[in-house]
Amino acid sequence: MESGDRYGVAGYGSGGDGTVPPPPSHAPSVGPPPPGASLRAAAAALLNLTGLGLGYALLGRWGRAAVCWAATAVLLWVALPADPDGVPAGVLVGYLLVLVLAAVDGGRIARRSAVGGAWRPGLAVGLGVVLLAVPAGGAVVYGSARDEAREQMLLERLEAGDERVATASGQPFEAAKSEYGKALDVYRALGEDHPGSRAAKLVPDRLKAYYDAVSAPYAKKRHCEAVAPLTYLRTLPDSVDKKVLGELAAWPDTPLAESLYACGVSRLGGAGSSSGGGDGGAELGQLLRTFPESASARRVAPAIDERIKDQVSALKGAEPCTATEALRGLGATASRLPDDSVKKLRADADEGVVDGVYACGVDQFEDGKFGAARTTLTDFARTYKSDGRVRQARNIATAAEIADDRPAAGKRLPPSKRPGGARMELVISNDAPNTVEVLYTGPVTGTVTLRACAGCERYRASEGPRRACKAAGRSYPKARLQLPAGEYHFLYKHGTGATARVDSYPSGTRVQPGYTYTSCTYVIERSPFDLDLPLLPDPIQPVVSPWGAGSSR
């Protein structure tokens, strides 16, 4: 109590001049409370609970009223404008504590004090009850403002997620995947953590736009590009509540199956390797393992079968080597796929490869790629020994080897059938100190090997034509060929016993009916200065003047 609230215990009396002094403005601190104290205390307490300090104002306690006003001002300063997080708990608790203390204190003062002036306690109580609606209403209004602020904050988050999607949609999926993930985090948080908000109600539409952005390559029929983003979308139900995703949760299955099929088929046989795509096995394998019962999976076997048939037909076209490689790829792909009906197609592809290797070697020969033709057809003869074309493959490989040194030998393929008619004998003698393999092609094609000539020597260039195969009493290794008439091309290859500097020697002649022919192979030395010497001419005379063959060293 303030000092002015205390009075002595003496009674009241009249003054010496007979006048009666006025009653004190406050009830004494000692003794029973004045009449109506409880009602006055209730009124002061209620009026102070309003936060406006009116209880203190009626009691004339202006300092205490100022404290209430200051507390309310601080609260308003902190609370306004409304924040999504509301008023800090410490500030709110502190303010409520001030109001409670003010109400208790105001009620205590009013209970012990006689309030001056003509005010009615009953009316003050009613006013206090009515004015309590002010903070209560303010709390309601503030709560509404805070909710609106929270809604706006959530809508801003939604907009930020939309911006991330818009940014990511202009980039390749792998580069944009991080942005897509951040946008999804926003949508997921809004849908799962704030399900009743206005922003959350917009999430389904945003997710639809999100799925459309991520799966844009599928909509543009870029199926290989669509596989990765559709696979990503298919995993989202593992991290996002299916209630939030709705029908979108299962949507990627069909597009992904279609994209895996279309991409895999486009790459079958290595068709997509130029774009870095492989042979389609990865995509088709994923399709058959992930969606084995889908319509797309059922189309895999027919698609591979059709592609194999197309490539088999292409073996008769201009690029049999390319078709053969495609068949190899198709067979390898079919054998790796997890479906028995597809695995069985490997046999069809392998059968096509046999025809393809042969056709490829023939095509290489006709295109003048004699080295490649020799390698291809030699491998064919070695790999497919039971095939009926092995003999012809060896003949073409022989002609190709000759044509590498003598292009005229590659003007036409060796005949596949031996011609009839008379045969002329060609006797080839070896006057070289090393073995010699003789390759020939013309109306017939073949090879013979002559043993090294024991005691034979190398000749000078000028001596070879005079001395080769003419030593008296010497038995030269010989080979006898029975040749139909026609133009022939030869290649003499010096083998065992020859140094690395002994050259192969090509030659050619025409075999005419009614004659017997001879040939002699020998080795001539190069000049001491390693100068190239002219090759010997090819005599084209029958047995009266044998035609010879030579090599230089």
Protein backbone atom coordinates (compact mmCIF):
# COMPACT_ATOMS: atom_id res chain seq x y z
CA MET A 1 0.00 0.00 0.00
CA GLU A 2 1.07 3.58 -0.63
CA SER A 3 1.63 5.81 2.40
CA GLY A 4 -1.50 7.82 1.63
CA ASP A 5 -3.59 4.68 2.17
CA ARG A 6 -2.88 4.45 5.88
CA TYR A 7 -5.02 6.19 8.57
CA GLY A 8 -4.93 6.40 12.33
CA VAL A 9 -7.28 4.46 14.59
CA ALA A 10 -9.04 7.54 15.92
CA GLY A 11 -12.74 7.90 15.15
CA TYR A 12 -14.27 10.60 13.14
CA GLY A 13 -15.69 13.74 14.82
CA SER A 14 -16.74 17.19 14.09
CA GLY A 15 -14.31 20.05 13.98
CA GLY A 16 -14.23 22.86 16.48
CA ASP A 17 -16.31 24.95 14.15
CA GLY A 18 -19.05 22.34 14.12
CA THR A 19 -18.40 21.14 10.53
CA VAL A 20 -18.14 17.40 9.64
CA PRO A 21 -14.97 16.36 7.66
CA PRO A 22 -15.46 14.31 4.43
CA PRO A 23 -14.86 10.55 4.52
CA PRO A 24 -11.40 9.32 3.48
CA SER A 25 -10.89 8.38 -0.20
CA HIS A 26 -9.43 4.93 0.66
CA ALA A 27 -10.48 2.27 3.07
CA PRO A 28 -8.24 1.90 6.06
CA SER A 29 -5.68 -0.92 5.91
CA VAL A 30 -6.76 -2.29 9.16
CA GLY A 31 -10.15 -3.60 9.94
CA PRO A 32 -12.85 -5.14 7.80
CA PRO A 33 -13.01 -4.18 4.10
CA PRO A 34 -15.46 -1.49 3.08
CA PRO A 35 -18.90 -2.53 1.87
CA GLY A 36 -18.94 -3.91 -1.75
CA ALA A 37 -15.21 -4.71 -1.63
CA SER A 38 -15.58 -8.11 -3.31
CA LEU A 39 -17.48 -6.67 -6.22
CA ARG A 40 -14.96 -3.86 -6.59
CA ALA A 41 -12.08 -6.37 -6.45
CA ALA A 42 -13.67 -8.50 -9.15
CA ALA A 43 -14.23 -5.46 -11.33
CA ALA A 44 -10.63 -4.26 -10.95
CA ALA A 45 -9.26 -7.73 -11.62
CA LEU A 46 -11.39 -8.21 -14.74
CA LEU A 47 -10.52 -4.77 -16.04
CA ASN A 48 -6.80 -5.44 -15.56
CA LEU A 49 -7.10 -8.82 -17.32
CA THR A 50 -8.05 -6.98 -20.47
CA GLY A 51 -4.45 -5.85 -20.70
CA LEU A 52 -5.56 -2.22 -20.85
CA GLY A 53 -4.82 -1.42 -17.19
CA LEU A 54 -8.38 -0.06 -16.66
CA GLY A 55 -8.59 -1.56 -13.18
CA TYR A 56 -5.62 0.49 -12.09
CA ALA A 57 -7.06 3.52 -13.86
CA LEU A 58 -10.31 3.32 -11.86
CA LEU A 59 -8.28 2.94 -8.70
CA GLY A 60 -6.13 5.90 -9.60
CA ARG A 61 -2.96 3.79 -9.78
CA TRP A 62 -1.58 5.35 -12.96
CA GLY A 63 1.94 4.03 -12.55
CA ARG A 64 0.67 0.48 -12.41
CA ALA A 65 -1.64 1.18 -15.36
CA ALA A 66 1.37 2.41 -17.35
CA VAL A 67 3.13 -0.88 -16.66
CA CYS A 68 0.13 -2.75 -18.15
CA TRP A 69 0.14 -0.47 -21.17
CA ALA A 70 3.84 -1.00 -21.69
CA ALA A 71 3.47 -4.77 -21.45
CA THR A 72 0.66 -4.72 -24.01
CA ALA A 73 2.68 -2.45 -26.30
CA VAL A 74 5.63 -4.81 -26.13
CA LEU A 75 3.39 -7.75 -26.97
CA LEU A 76 1.89 -5.92 -29.96
CA TRP A 77 5.34 -4.88 -31.16
CA VAL A 78 6.55 -8.47 -31.03
CA ALA A 79 3.37 -10.04 -32.43
CA LEU A 80 2.63 -7.68 -35.33
CA PRO A 81 2.65 -8.20 -38.18
CA ALA A 82 1.52 -11.78 -37.70
CA ASP A 83 4.30 -14.31 -38.18
CA PRO A 84 3.71 -17.91 -39.28
CA ASP A 85 5.45 -19.10 -36.13
CA GLY A 86 3.30 -16.89 -33.88
CA VAL A 87 4.48 -15.06 -30.76
CA PRO A 88 7.53 -16.55 -29.05
CA ALA A 89 6.42 -18.68 -26.11
CA GLY A 90 8.60 -16.76 -23.64
CA VAL A 91 7.02 -13.44 -24.57
CA LEU A 92 3.51 -14.84 -24.38
CA VAL A 93 4.07 -16.50 -21.01
CA GLY A 94 5.65 -13.32 -19.66
CA TYR A 95 2.74 -11.23 -20.82
CA LEU A 96 0.16 -13.58 -19.34
CA LEU A 97 2.07 -13.52 -16.07
CA VAL A 98 1.94 -9.70 -16.09
CA LEU A 99 -1.84 -9.80 -16.64
CA VAL A 100 -2.42 -12.30 -13.88
CA LEU A 101 -0.28 -10.32 -11.46
CA ALA A 102 -2.05 -7.11 -12.48
CA ALA A 103 -5.45 -8.75 -11.93
CA VAL A 104 -4.48 -10.07 -8.50
CA ASP A 105 -2.87 -6.81 -7.52
CA GLY A 106 -5.77 -4.72 -8.80
CA GLY A 107 -8.29 -6.92 -6.98
CA ARG A 108 -6.30 -6.65 -3.75
CA ILE A 109 -6.09 -2.88 -3.93
CA ALA A 110 -9.76 -2.49 -4.82
CA ARG A 111 -10.76 -4.81 -1.96
CA ARG A 112 -8.97 -2.64 0.63
CA SER A 113 -9.64 0.75 -0.88
CA ALA A 114 -12.69 2.93 -1.01
CA VAL A 115 -12.90 4.07 -4.57
CA GLY A 116 -13.77 7.71 -5.00
CA GLY A 117 -16.10 9.04 -7.60
CA ALA A 118 -19.49 7.89 -8.68
CA TRP A 119 -18.85 4.51 -10.33
CA ARG A 120 -20.84 1.41 -9.87
CA PRO A 121 -18.94 -1.80 -9.13
CA GLY A 122 -21.62 -3.93 -10.79
CA LEU A 123 -21.35 -1.92 -13.96
CA ALA A 124 -17.54 -2.15 -13.79
CA VAL A 125 -17.77 -5.94 -13.52
CA GLY A 126 -20.00 -6.08 -16.57
CA LEU A 127 -17.64 -3.75 -18.42
CA GLY A 128 -14.71 -5.97 -17.48
CA VAL A 129 -16.48 -9.04 -18.77
CA VAL A 130 -17.31 -7.26 -22.00
CA LEU A 131 -13.80 -5.89 -22.42
CA LEU A 132 -12.32 -9.35 -21.92
CA ALA A 133 -13.63 -9.98 -25.39
CA VAL A 134 -10.98 -7.52 -26.63
CA PRO A 135 -7.93 -9.72 -25.88
CA ALA A 136 -9.92 -12.84 -26.64
CA GLY A 137 -11.03 -11.44 -29.97
CA GLY A 138 -7.55 -10.12 -30.59
CA ALA A 139 -6.19 -13.60 -29.99
CA VAL A 140 -8.69 -15.01 -32.47
CA VAL A 141 -7.90 -12.35 -35.04
CA TYR A 142 -4.20 -12.80 -34.48
CA GLY A 143 -4.55 -16.56 -34.79
CA SER A 144 -6.33 -16.07 -38.09
CA ALA A 145 -3.63 -13.66 -39.26
CA ARG A 146 -0.96 -16.08 -38.16
CA ASP A 147 -2.70 -18.91 -40.04
CA GLU A 148 -2.88 -16.75 -43.14
CA ALA A 149 0.78 -15.90 -42.80
CA ARG A 150 1.53 -19.61 -42.51
CA GLU A 151 -0.58 -20.28 -45.59
CA GLN A 152 1.31 -17.62 -47.50
CA MET A 153 4.59 -19.09 -46.36
CA LEU A 154 3.53 -22.54 -47.55
CA LEU A 155 2.35 -21.12 -50.86
CA GLU A 156 5.75 -19.46 -51.27
CA ARG A 157 7.39 -22.82 -50.63
CA LEU A 158 5.13 -24.35 -53.25
CA GLU A 159 6.10 -21.65 -55.71
CA ALA A 160 9.79 -22.25 -54.97
CA GLY A 161 9.27 -25.94 -55.74
CA ASP A 162 7.55 -25.01 -59.01
CA GLU A 163 10.51 -22.83 -59.96
CA ARG A 164 12.90 -25.70 -59.37
CA VAL A 165 10.82 -27.93 -61.64
CA ALA A 166 10.76 -25.26 -64.33
CA THR A 167 14.54 -24.87 -64.11
CA ALA A 168 15.17 -28.62 -64.18
CA SER A 169 12.85 -29.25 -67.12
CA GLY A 170 15.23 -27.41 -69.42
CA GLN A 171 18.17 -29.70 -68.62
CA PRO A 172 19.06 -33.36 -69.27
CA PHE A 173 17.67 -35.59 -66.55
CA GLU A 174 20.98 -36.60 -65.00
CA ALA A 175 22.03 -32.97 -64.69
CA ALA A 176 18.60 -31.93 -63.35
CA LYS A 177 18.04 -34.87 -61.01
CA SER A 178 19.19 -32.92 -57.94
CA GLU A 179 16.79 -30.06 -58.67
CA TYR A 180 13.95 -32.49 -59.20
CA GLY A 181 14.76 -34.09 -55.87
CA LYS A 182 14.65 -30.76 -54.04
CA ALA A 183 11.31 -29.86 -55.63
CA LEU A 184 9.92 -33.23 -54.62
CA ASP A 185 11.03 -32.63 -51.03
CA VAL A 186 8.95 -29.46 -51.04
CA TYR A 187 5.84 -31.18 -52.38
CA ARG A 188 6.25 -34.13 -50.04
CA ALA A 189 6.62 -31.88 -46.97
CA LEU A 190 3.56 -29.85 -47.91
CA GLY A 191 1.44 -32.92 -48.56
CA GLU A 192 2.55 -34.93 -45.54
CA ASP A 193 3.26 -32.26 -42.90
CA HIS A 194 0.57 -29.70 -43.80
CA PRO A 195 -2.24 -31.78 -45.27
CA GLY A 196 -4.99 -29.25 -44.56
CA SER A 197 -3.25 -26.21 -45.99
CA ARG A 198 -4.19 -24.48 -49.21
CA ALA A 199 -0.74 -25.29 -50.55
CA ALA A 200 -1.22 -28.98 -49.80
CA LYS A 201 -4.47 -28.98 -51.76
CA LEU A 202 -2.51 -27.72 -54.76
CA VAL A 203 0.15 -30.43 -54.44
CA PRO A 204 -1.70 -33.07 -56.55
CA ASP A 205 -1.79 -30.71 -59.52
CA ARG A 206 1.85 -29.78 -58.97
CA LEU A 207 2.85 -33.44 -58.80
CA LYS A 208 1.06 -34.06 -62.10
CA ALA A 209 3.09 -31.22 -63.64
CA TYR A 210 6.19 -32.65 -61.95
CA TYR A 211 5.64 -36.08 -63.49
CA ASP A 212 4.98 -34.47 -66.88
CA ALA A 213 8.26 -32.52 -66.66
CA VAL A 214 10.35 -35.50 -65.60
CA SER A 215 8.80 -37.81 -68.22
CA ALA A 216 8.96 -35.27 -71.05
CA PRO A 217 11.32 -37.48 -73.15
CA TYR A 218 8.66 -40.21 -73.13
CA ALA A 219 6.03 -37.77 -74.39
CA LYS A 220 8.46 -36.78 -77.18
CA LYS A 221 9.01 -40.47 -78.10
CA ARG A 222 12.68 -40.31 -77.11
CA HIS A 223 12.41 -43.71 -75.48
CA CYS A 224 16.06 -44.39 -74.67
CA GLU A 225 16.32 -40.99 -73.02
CA ALA A 226 13.07 -41.65 -71.14
CA VAL A 227 14.24 -44.84 -69.39
CA ALA A 228 16.22 -43.15 -66.60
CA PRO A 229 13.60 -40.52 -65.61
CA LEU A 230 10.74 -43.05 -65.75
CA THR A 231 12.74 -45.46 -63.59
CA TYR A 232 13.25 -42.60 -61.13
CA LEU A 233 9.53 -41.80 -61.05
CA ARG A 234 8.74 -45.45 -60.42
CA THR A 235 10.82 -45.34 -57.22
CA LEU A 236 9.00 -42.34 -55.72
CA PRO A 237 6.35 -44.38 -53.83
CA ASP A 238 9.25 -45.68 -51.71
CA SER A 239 9.85 -42.18 -50.33
CA VAL A 240 6.54 -40.33 -50.80
CA ASP A 241 3.23 -41.28 -49.18
CA LYS A 242 1.05 -42.99 -51.77
CA LYS A 243 -1.89 -40.93 -50.51
CA VAL A 244 -0.01 -37.85 -51.67
CA LEU A 245 0.89 -39.38 -55.04
CA GLY A 246 -2.55 -40.85 -55.69
CA GLU A 247 -2.89 -42.41 -59.13
CA LEU A 248 0.58 -41.15 -60.07
CA ALA A 249 2.16 -43.84 -57.90
CA ALA A 250 1.50 -46.57 -60.47
CA TRP A 251 1.54 -44.40 -63.61
CA PRO A 252 5.21 -44.89 -64.66
CA ASP A 253 4.89 -48.69 -65.08
CA THR A 254 3.34 -48.74 -68.54
CA PRO A 255 5.42 -45.87 -70.01
CA LEU A 256 8.61 -47.42 -68.62
CA ALA A 257 7.77 -50.82 -70.11
CA GLU A 258 7.04 -49.20 -73.47
CA SER A 259 10.26 -47.17 -73.37
CA LEU A 260 12.39 -50.18 -72.42
CA TYR A 261 10.91 -52.12 -75.31
CA ALA A 262 11.23 -49.33 -77.90
CA CYS A 263 14.75 -48.42 -76.81
CA GLY A 264 15.94 -52.01 -76.67
CA VAL A 265 14.52 -52.90 -80.07
CA SER A 266 16.06 -49.78 -81.63
CA ARG A 267 19.48 -50.95 -80.46
CA LEU A 268 19.17 -54.63 -81.41
CA GLY A 269 22.17 -55.93 -83.26
CA GLY A 270 24.16 -52.85 -82.32
CA ALA A 271 21.81 -50.49 -84.19
CA GLY A 272 22.13 -47.93 -81.42
CA SER A 273 25.89 -48.15 -80.93
CA SER A 274 26.49 -45.02 -83.02
CA SER A 275 24.67 -43.03 -80.35
CA GLY A 276 26.39 -44.81 -77.49
CA GLY A 277 23.50 -47.17 -76.93
CA GLY A 278 24.86 -50.75 -76.96
CA ASP A 279 22.93 -53.74 -78.31
CA GLY A 280 19.57 -53.35 -76.52
CA GLY A 281 20.16 -56.27 -74.17
CA ALA A 282 20.23 -54.11 -71.05
CA GLU A 283 16.87 -52.49 -71.76
CA LEU A 284 15.13 -55.65 -72.91
CA GLY A 285 16.54 -57.59 -69.97
CA GLN A 286 15.24 -54.97 -67.57
CA LEU A 287 11.85 -55.13 -69.27
CA LEU A 288 11.60 -58.92 -69.03
CA ARG A 289 12.71 -58.96 -65.40
CA THR A 290 10.63 -56.01 -64.21
CA PHE A 291 7.45 -56.38 -66.28
CA PRO A 292 7.43 -60.03 -67.42
CA GLU A 293 3.64 -60.09 -67.90
CA SER A 294 3.35 -56.78 -69.72
CA ALA A 295 2.25 -56.38 -73.32
CA SER A 296 5.67 -54.91 -74.12
CA ALA A 297 7.45 -57.98 -72.74
CA ARG A 298 5.37 -60.26 -74.96
CA ARG A 299 6.57 -58.36 -78.01
CA VAL A 300 10.29 -58.97 -77.37
CA ALA A 301 10.61 -62.45 -78.90
CA PRO A 302 8.69 -61.55 -82.11
CA ALA A 303 10.73 -58.37 -82.48
CA ILE A 304 14.07 -60.17 -82.22
CA ASP A 305 12.87 -62.92 -84.56
CA GLU A 306 11.81 -60.34 -87.14
CA ARG A 307 15.11 -58.51 -86.83
CA ILE A 308 17.04 -61.76 -87.35
CA LYS A 309 15.05 -62.51 -90.49
CA ASP A 310 15.66 -58.99 -91.79
CA GLN A 311 19.41 -59.35 -91.33
CA VAL A 312 19.44 -62.78 -92.96
CA SER A 313 17.75 -61.20 -95.98
CA ALA A 314 20.30 -58.38 -95.88
CA LEU A 315 23.12 -60.91 -96.39
CA LYS A 316 22.15 -60.89 -100.06
CA GLY A 317 22.42 -57.11 -100.22
CA ALA A 318 25.26 -54.65 -100.59
CA GLU A 319 26.52 -54.88 -96.98
CA PRO A 320 26.69 -58.53 -95.94
CA CYS A 321 29.52 -57.87 -93.48
CA THR A 322 27.37 -55.36 -91.61
CA ALA A 323 24.44 -57.77 -91.58
CA THR A 324 26.69 -60.52 -90.25
CA GLU A 325 27.84 -58.39 -87.34
CA ALA A 326 24.22 -57.51 -86.63
CA LEU A 327 23.33 -61.21 -86.55
CA ARG A 328 26.17 -61.88 -84.13
CA GLY A 329 24.87 -59.13 -81.90
CA LEU A 330 21.31 -60.39 -82.10
CA GLY A 331 22.37 -63.89 -81.17
CA ALA A 332 24.43 -62.67 -78.22
CA THR A 333 21.59 -60.47 -77.03
CA ALA A 334 18.99 -63.25 -77.31
CA SER A 335 21.16 -65.67 -75.33
CA ARG A 336 21.47 -63.21 -72.43
CA LEU A 337 17.79 -62.39 -72.03
CA PRO A 338 15.83 -64.06 -69.19
CA ASP A 339 13.20 -65.70 -71.37
CA ASP A 340 13.43 -69.18 -72.89
CA SER A 341 11.39 -68.24 -75.95
CA VAL A 342 13.94 -65.52 -76.67
CA LYS A 343 17.01 -67.64 -75.89
CA LYS A 344 15.97 -70.17 -78.56
CA LEU A 345 16.35 -67.49 -81.23
CA ARG A 346 20.14 -67.67 -80.76
CA ALA A 347 20.21 -70.74 -83.02
CA ASP A 348 18.54 -68.84 -85.89
CA ALA A 349 21.00 -65.99 -85.55
CA ASP A 350 23.99 -68.36 -85.47
CA GLU A 351 22.77 -70.10 -88.62
CA GLY A 352 22.58 -66.73 -90.32
CA VAL A 353 26.11 -65.90 -89.16
CA VAL A 354 27.51 -68.93 -91.03
CA ASP A 355 26.01 -67.69 -94.29
CA GLY A 356 27.00 -64.16 -93.39
CA VAL A 357 30.70 -64.89 -92.88
CA TYR A 358 30.92 -66.54 -96.27
CA ALA A 359 28.96 -63.75 -97.98
CA CYS A 360 31.11 -61.15 -96.23
CA GLY A 361 34.35 -62.74 -97.46
CA VAL A 362 33.04 -62.90 -101.02
CA ASP A 363 31.93 -59.26 -100.84
CA GLN A 364 35.33 -58.19 -99.53
CA PHE A 365 37.02 -59.98 -102.42
CA GLU A 366 34.74 -58.35 -104.98
CA ASP A 367 35.41 -54.94 -103.39
CA GLY A 368 39.17 -55.45 -103.73
CA LYS A 369 39.74 -55.86 -99.99
CA PHE A 370 41.89 -58.90 -100.56
CA GLY A 371 43.59 -59.02 -97.18
CA ALA A 372 40.28 -58.86 -95.33
CA ALA A 373 38.72 -61.43 -97.67
CA ARG A 374 41.58 -63.85 -97.08
CA THR A 375 41.25 -63.52 -93.29
CA THR A 376 37.46 -63.86 -93.33
CA LEU A 377 37.31 -66.90 -95.59
CA THR A 378 40.26 -68.64 -93.95
CA ASP A 379 38.45 -68.29 -90.61
CA PHE A 380 35.27 -69.57 -92.25
CA ALA A 381 37.01 -72.70 -93.53
CA ARG A 382 38.65 -73.28 -90.16
CA THR A 383 35.49 -72.70 -88.10
CA TYR A 384 32.81 -74.38 -90.21
CA LYS A 385 34.68 -77.45 -91.46
CA SER A 386 31.53 -79.42 -92.29
CA ASP A 387 30.04 -76.67 -94.46
CA GLY A 388 29.80 -77.49 -98.16
CA ARG A 389 31.38 -74.16 -99.11
CA VAL A 390 34.67 -74.76 -97.32
CA ARG A 391 36.57 -75.76 -100.51
CA GLN A 392 35.37 -72.66 -102.36
CA ALA A 393 36.15 -70.47 -99.35
CA ARG A 394 39.74 -71.76 -99.40
CA ASN A 395 39.96 -71.12 -103.14
CA ILE A 396 38.79 -67.54 -102.77
CA ALA A 397 41.19 -67.02 -99.85
CA THR A 398 44.02 -68.32 -102.08
CA ALA A 399 43.01 -66.03 -104.94
CA ALA A 400 42.81 -63.11 -102.50
CA GLU A 401 46.34 -63.77 -101.27
CA ILE A 402 47.64 -63.82 -104.83
CA ALA A 403 45.65 -60.67 -105.66
CA ASP A 404 47.31 -58.82 -102.82
CA ASP A 405 50.53 -58.97 -104.87
CA ARG A 406 48.99 -59.32 -108.31
CA PRO A 407 45.67 -57.41 -108.47
CA ALA A 408 44.78 -59.00 -111.82
CA ALA A 409 44.14 -62.22 -109.90
CA GLY A 410 41.24 -60.53 -108.16
CA LYS A 411 39.28 -59.48 -111.21
CA ARG A 412 36.86 -62.34 -110.76
CA LEU A 413 36.03 -65.02 -108.24
CA PRO A 414 37.51 -68.48 -108.75
CA PRO A 415 34.95 -70.78 -110.42
CA SER A 416 32.96 -72.80 -107.94
CA LYS A 417 33.01 -75.84 -110.23
CA ARG A 418 35.97 -77.42 -111.94
CA PRO A 419 35.80 -77.02 -115.69
CA GLY A 420 35.80 -80.06 -117.95
CA GLY A 421 37.91 -80.65 -121.02
CA ALA A 422 41.57 -81.37 -121.60
CA ARG A 423 44.21 -80.74 -118.98
CA MET A 424 47.75 -79.51 -119.58
CA GLU A 425 50.62 -80.50 -117.33
CA LEU A 426 52.66 -77.89 -115.51
CA VAL A 427 55.82 -79.15 -113.85
CA ILE A 428 57.25 -76.81 -111.22
CA SER A 429 60.82 -77.44 -110.07
CA ASN A 430 62.48 -75.87 -107.04
CA ASP A 431 66.07 -74.67 -107.36
CA ALA A 432 65.93 -72.69 -104.11
CA PRO A 433 67.64 -73.69 -100.84
CA ASN A 434 64.35 -73.29 -99.03
CA THR A 435 60.82 -74.62 -99.26
CA VAL A 436 58.47 -72.91 -101.67
CA GLU A 437 54.69 -72.72 -101.58
CA VAL A 438 53.08 -72.08 -104.93
CA LEU A 439 49.60 -70.55 -105.03
CA TYR A 440 47.74 -70.44 -108.32
CA THR A 441 44.32 -69.31 -109.50
CA GLY A 442 42.55 -69.28 -112.82
CA PRO A 443 40.09 -71.82 -114.19
CA VAL A 444 41.17 -73.86 -111.18
CA THR A 445 42.69 -72.70 -107.91
CA GLY A 446 44.99 -74.40 -105.46
CA THR A 447 48.35 -74.59 -103.72
CA VAL A 448 51.34 -76.91 -103.77
CA THR A 449 54.47 -77.00 -101.62
CA LEU A 450 57.94 -77.90 -102.87
CA ARG A 451 60.68 -79.16 -100.59
CA ALA A 452 63.93 -77.24 -100.28
CA CYS A 453 66.57 -78.14 -102.85
CA ALA A 454 69.55 -79.71 -101.11
CA GLY A 455 72.78 -78.11 -102.24
CA CYS A 456 71.09 -75.44 -104.32
CA GLU A 457 72.43 -71.91 -104.09
CA ARG A 458 71.37 -68.37 -104.76
CA TYR A 459 72.10 -66.86 -108.14
CA ARG A 460 73.16 -63.49 -109.33
CA ALA A 461 70.49 -61.74 -111.30
CA SER A 462 72.27 -62.36 -114.60
CA GLU A 463 72.84 -66.06 -113.83
CA GLY A 464 69.35 -67.12 -112.80
CA PRO A 465 67.74 -67.57 -116.22
CA ARG A 466 70.79 -69.48 -117.56
CA ARG A 467 71.58 -71.80 -114.64
CA ALA A 468 68.35 -72.35 -112.68
CA CYS A 469 67.15 -75.98 -112.69
CA LYS A 470 69.85 -77.01 -115.24
CA ALA A 471 72.52 -78.63 -113.12
CA ALA A 472 73.37 -82.01 -114.58
CA GLY A 473 72.64 -84.96 -112.38
CA ARG A 474 70.73 -83.00 -109.77
CA SER A 475 67.25 -84.06 -108.79
CA TYR A 476 65.12 -81.00 -108.16
CA PRO A 477 61.97 -81.19 -105.97
CA LYS A 478 58.99 -81.06 -108.33
CA ALA A 479 55.22 -80.62 -108.34
CA ARG A 480 53.00 -81.59 -111.26
CA LEU A 481 49.75 -79.73 -111.88
CA GLN A 482 47.05 -80.70 -114.38
CA LEU A 483 45.54 -77.42 -115.53
CA PRO A 484 42.62 -76.66 -117.87
CA ALA A 485 43.38 -74.07 -120.52
CA GLY A 486 43.04 -70.45 -119.45
CA GLU A 487 44.78 -67.51 -117.81
CA TYR A 488 46.54 -68.22 -114.52
CA HIS A 489 48.11 -66.16 -111.77
CA PHE A 490 50.83 -67.52 -109.48
CA LEU A 491 52.41 -66.50 -106.21
CA TYR A 492 55.66 -68.14 -105.12
CA LYS A 493 56.14 -67.93 -101.34
CA HIS A 494 59.54 -68.88 -99.96
CA GLY A 495 59.17 -70.66 -96.66
CA THR A 496 61.43 -72.69 -94.37
CA GLY A 497 65.08 -71.87 -94.86
CA ALA A 498 64.55 -68.48 -96.46
CA THR A 499 65.69 -65.30 -94.78
CA ALA A 500 63.33 -62.46 -94.00
CA ARG A 501 64.63 -60.63 -97.05
CA VAL A 502 63.51 -63.26 -99.55
CA ASP A 503 60.50 -61.85 -101.37
CA SER A 504 57.41 -63.60 -102.60
CA TYR A 505 57.15 -63.51 -106.36
CA PRO A 506 53.92 -63.19 -108.36
CA SER A 507 53.63 -64.08 -112.00
CA GLY A 508 51.07 -65.01 -114.58
CA THR A 509 50.69 -66.91 -117.84
CA ARG A 510 48.16 -68.42 -120.20
CA VAL A 511 47.90 -72.16 -120.52
CA GLN A 512 46.95 -73.30 -124.02
CA PRO A 513 45.66 -76.69 -125.12
CA GLY A 514 48.16 -79.20 -126.47
CA TYR A 515 51.22 -78.07 -124.55
CA THR A 516 53.15 -79.18 -121.50
CA TYR A 517 54.59 -76.43 -119.32
CA THR A 518 57.49 -76.20 -116.92
CA SER A 519 58.46 -73.65 -114.31
CA CYS A 520 61.50 -73.22 -112.12
CA THR A 521 61.70 -71.27 -108.93
CA TYR A 522 65.02 -69.98 -107.62
CA VAL A 523 66.49 -67.17 -105.49
CA ILE A 524 68.63 -64.32 -106.78
CA GLU A 525 70.78 -62.05 -104.65
CA ARG A 526 70.35 -58.32 -104.42
CA SER A 527 73.22 -56.03 -105.32
CA PRO A 528 75.76 -55.29 -102.56
CA PHE A 529 74.30 -51.82 -102.34
CA ASP A 530 70.81 -53.25 -101.77
CA LEU A 531 69.55 -51.75 -104.99
CA ASP A 532 66.29 -53.09 -106.37
CA LEU A 533 66.80 -55.19 -109.45
CA PRO A 534 64.28 -55.58 -112.24
CA LEU A 535 62.13 -58.68 -112.01
CA LEU A 536 62.67 -61.43 -114.54
CA PRO A 537 60.23 -61.54 -117.42
CA ASP A 538 57.67 -64.30 -117.58
CA PRO A 539 58.48 -66.52 -120.58
CA ILE A 540 55.21 -67.76 -122.03
CA GLN A 541 56.46 -70.63 -124.09
CA PRO A 542 55.70 -74.30 -123.92
CA VAL A 543 58.15 -76.98 -123.03
CA VAL A 544 60.57 -76.02 -125.83
CA SER A 545 61.43 -72.92 -123.79
CA PRO A 546 60.28 -73.31 -120.18
CA TRP A 547 58.88 -70.32 -118.37
CA GLY A 548 60.49 -69.50 -115.07
CA ALA A 549 59.85 -67.85 -111.79
CA GLY A 550 62.32 -66.08 -109.54
CA SER A 551 62.74 -64.20 -106.31
CA SER A 552 65.24 -61.62 -105.19
CA ARG A 553 67.18 -61.40 -101.98
